[in-house]
Protein backbone atom coordinates (compact mmCIF):
# COMPACT_ATOMS: atom_id res chain seq x y z
CA MET A 1 1.44 -20.36 30.38
CA SER A 2 1.13 -20.54 26.48
CA VAL A 3 -1.52 -21.87 24.04
CA SER A 4 -0.77 -24.51 21.42
CA ILE A 5 -2.23 -24.91 18.07
CA GLY A 6 -5.20 -27.26 18.01
CA GLN A 7 -5.62 -27.03 21.90
CA PRO A 8 -8.55 -25.22 23.66
CA ALA A 9 -7.94 -21.15 24.24
CA PRO A 10 -7.73 -20.30 27.68
CA ASP A 11 -10.92 -18.94 28.53
CA PHE A 12 -11.14 -15.30 30.19
CA THR A 13 -13.57 -12.92 31.05
CA ALA A 14 -12.28 -9.17 30.83
CA PRO A 15 -13.48 -5.50 30.78
CA ALA A 16 -13.86 -4.12 27.33
CA THR A 17 -15.03 -0.97 25.43
CA GLY A 18 -18.88 0.00 26.01
CA ASP A 19 -19.11 -0.77 29.23
CA ALA A 20 -18.80 -4.43 28.48
CA SER A 21 -16.93 -7.35 29.49
CA VAL A 22 -16.09 -10.13 26.98
CA THR A 23 -16.04 -13.77 27.90
CA LEU A 24 -14.20 -15.58 25.28
CA SER A 25 -16.45 -18.86 25.96
CA GLN A 26 -19.41 -16.97 24.84
CA LEU A 27 -18.21 -16.24 21.58
CA ARG A 28 -18.29 -19.83 20.61
CA GLY A 29 -20.06 -20.51 17.20
CA HIS A 30 -17.51 -17.55 15.48
CA GLN A 31 -14.13 -17.48 15.03
CA VAL A 32 -12.12 -15.03 17.00
CA VAL A 33 -9.14 -12.70 16.24
CA ILE A 34 -7.44 -11.47 19.60
CA TYR A 35 -4.69 -9.07 18.68
CA PHE A 36 -2.46 -8.15 21.47
CA TYR A 37 -0.57 -4.73 21.12
CA PRO A 38 1.85 -2.71 23.23
CA ARG A 39 -0.03 0.50 23.64
CA ALA A 40 -3.22 2.39 22.80
CA SER A 41 -2.65 5.60 20.55
CA THR A 42 0.86 4.89 19.66
CA PRO A 43 1.83 4.83 15.78
CA GLY A 44 1.94 1.28 15.18
CA CYS A 45 -0.93 0.28 17.27
CA THR A 46 -3.10 3.05 15.72
CA THR A 47 -2.07 1.85 12.22
CA GLU A 48 -2.87 -2.11 13.06
CA GLY A 49 -5.92 -0.95 14.87
CA GLY A 50 -6.97 0.82 11.46
CA ASP A 51 -5.88 -2.01 9.40
CA PHE A 52 -8.36 -4.42 11.47
CA ARG A 53 -11.13 -1.76 11.41
CA ASP A 54 -10.77 -1.35 7.60
CA ARG A 55 -11.63 -5.04 6.97
CA LYS A 56 -14.10 -5.55 9.53
CA ALA A 57 -16.96 -6.28 7.09
CA ALA A 58 -14.67 -8.93 5.75
CA PHE A 59 -13.91 -10.33 8.75
CA ASP A 60 -18.04 -10.31 9.61
CA ALA A 61 -18.24 -12.36 6.36
CA ALA A 62 -15.76 -14.92 7.52
CA ASN A 63 -17.93 -15.14 10.87
CA THR A 64 -14.98 -13.65 12.88
CA VAL A 65 -15.06 -11.53 15.90
CA ILE A 66 -11.85 -9.07 16.37
CA LEU A 67 -10.70 -8.24 19.78
CA GLY A 68 -7.99 -6.05 20.54
CA VAL A 69 -6.06 -6.29 24.04
CA SER A 70 -3.67 -4.25 25.73
CA ARG A 71 -2.57 -3.58 29.09
CA ASP A 72 -3.96 0.00 29.03
CA GLY A 73 -6.88 1.11 31.42
CA ILE A 74 -10.47 0.99 30.12
CA ARG A 75 -10.79 4.77 29.57
CA ALA A 76 -7.53 4.69 27.43
CA GLN A 77 -9.06 2.21 25.49
CA GLU A 78 -12.33 4.02 24.96
CA ASN A 79 -10.42 7.01 24.03
CA PHE A 80 -8.33 5.06 21.50
CA LYS A 81 -11.22 3.40 20.09
CA ALA A 82 -13.39 6.66 19.99
CA LYS A 83 -10.59 8.71 18.14
CA GLN A 84 -9.70 5.92 15.57
CA ASP A 85 -13.37 4.96 14.93
CA PHE A 86 -12.71 1.13 15.86
CA ASN A 87 -15.70 -0.89 15.00
CA PHE A 88 -14.67 -3.71 17.41
CA ASP A 89 -14.24 -3.77 21.21
CA LEU A 90 -10.91 -3.14 22.80
CA ILE A 91 -9.97 -4.89 26.16
CA SER A 92 -8.18 -3.60 29.17
CA ASP A 93 -5.77 -6.13 30.77
CA LYS A 94 -4.32 -4.21 33.14
CA SER A 95 -3.86 -7.16 35.41
CA GLU A 96 -2.16 -8.87 32.61
CA GLU A 97 -4.14 -12.10 33.10
CA VAL A 98 -5.33 -12.47 29.39
CA CYS A 99 -1.57 -11.56 28.23
CA GLN A 100 -0.02 -14.33 30.57
CA GLN A 101 -2.57 -16.91 29.39
CA PHE A 102 -1.50 -16.16 25.69
CA GLY A 103 2.26 -15.69 26.88
CA VAL A 104 2.53 -12.21 24.95
CA ILE A 105 4.52 -10.66 28.01
CA LYS A 106 8.26 -10.61 26.86
CA LEU A 107 11.30 -8.75 27.82
CA LYS A 108 11.89 -5.80 25.54
CA LYS A 109 14.55 -3.44 25.03
CA MET A 110 13.89 0.39 24.59
CA TYR A 111 16.52 3.22 24.55
CA GLY A 112 18.89 0.43 26.05
CA LYS A 113 16.69 -0.48 29.14
CA GLU A 114 14.89 -3.77 29.37
CA HIS A 115 11.32 -3.91 30.51
CA LEU A 116 8.55 -6.35 30.31
CA GLY A 117 5.96 -5.49 27.75
CA ILE A 118 3.48 -6.94 25.16
CA GLU A 119 5.09 -8.70 22.26
CA ARG A 120 2.82 -7.77 19.50
CA SER A 121 0.98 -10.93 18.85
CA THR A 122 -2.04 -12.06 17.27
CA PHE A 123 -4.34 -15.54 17.57
CA LEU A 124 -7.24 -16.86 15.74
CA ILE A 125 -9.49 -19.11 17.53
CA ASP A 126 -11.87 -21.57 15.52
CA SER A 127 -15.57 -21.60 16.20
CA GLU A 128 -15.18 -24.54 18.55
CA GLY A 129 -12.64 -22.41 20.69
CA ARG A 130 -9.49 -24.02 19.79
CA LEU A 131 -6.67 -22.03 18.81
CA ALA A 132 -6.05 -22.34 15.09
CA HIS A 133 -3.41 -20.05 14.20
CA GLU A 134 -0.96 -17.61 15.92
CA TRP A 135 1.33 -14.77 14.85
CA ARG A 136 4.12 -13.71 17.20
CA GLY A 137 6.54 -10.77 16.86
CA VAL A 138 4.11 -9.47 14.54
CA LYS A 139 5.20 -6.40 12.01
CA VAL A 140 2.21 -4.33 11.24
CA LYS A 141 2.41 -3.91 7.43
CA GLY A 142 0.23 -6.58 5.90
CA HIS A 143 -0.63 -8.31 9.20
CA ALA A 144 -4.31 -7.70 9.17
CA GLN A 145 -4.96 -8.75 5.63
CA GLU A 146 -2.70 -12.02 6.40
CA VAL A 147 -5.18 -12.54 9.27
CA LEU A 148 -8.05 -11.99 7.41
CA GLU A 149 -6.94 -14.45 4.66
CA THR A 150 -6.36 -17.27 7.39
CA ALA A 151 -9.77 -16.46 9.05
CA GLN A 152 -11.29 -16.81 5.65
CA ALA A 153 -9.57 -19.86 4.81
CA LEU A 154 -10.72 -21.46 8.08
CA ASN A 155 -14.28 -20.35 7.77
CA THR A 156 -14.45 -22.21 4.64
CA GLY A 157 -12.45 -25.11 5.60
CA THR A 158 -9.66 -24.83 3.33
CA LEU A 159 -7.15 -23.77 5.93
CA GLY A 160 -4.09 -26.16 5.63
CA ASP A 161 -1.97 -27.30 8.39
CA GLY A 162 1.05 -24.86 8.08
């Protein structure tokens, strides 16, 4: 299953940091950035999370909630969030339910061995719950800034098609 631009994003409820659970449909009225990352506390994922953390005030100003998702357990997510001082929630998707809904599980190669893992991907959902933009196969450098600029454009109604 995968989502398409302009279509309603699949609703989900998943465990999150801070003893919370996040239900996507309860965030209507806000734009939502959902970024999927392979593994907590690894260098690329730490950099990516830090880039979102450092721009959170600007995302807030653009009426945009940030959520990070990986297959790590909730304890690993809590540790990652605390150690990196992330100011947004991380979702634990051990069941891969959310990953499957967004189609981010891909065959990857590491050290010559193939395995299924999360393809670094980000989705921007508009305030009515529709997918507005997606980034797949993300390279971390500059990514959070690009997402922020897209969220700002969407929030002000200046996001063009494409």
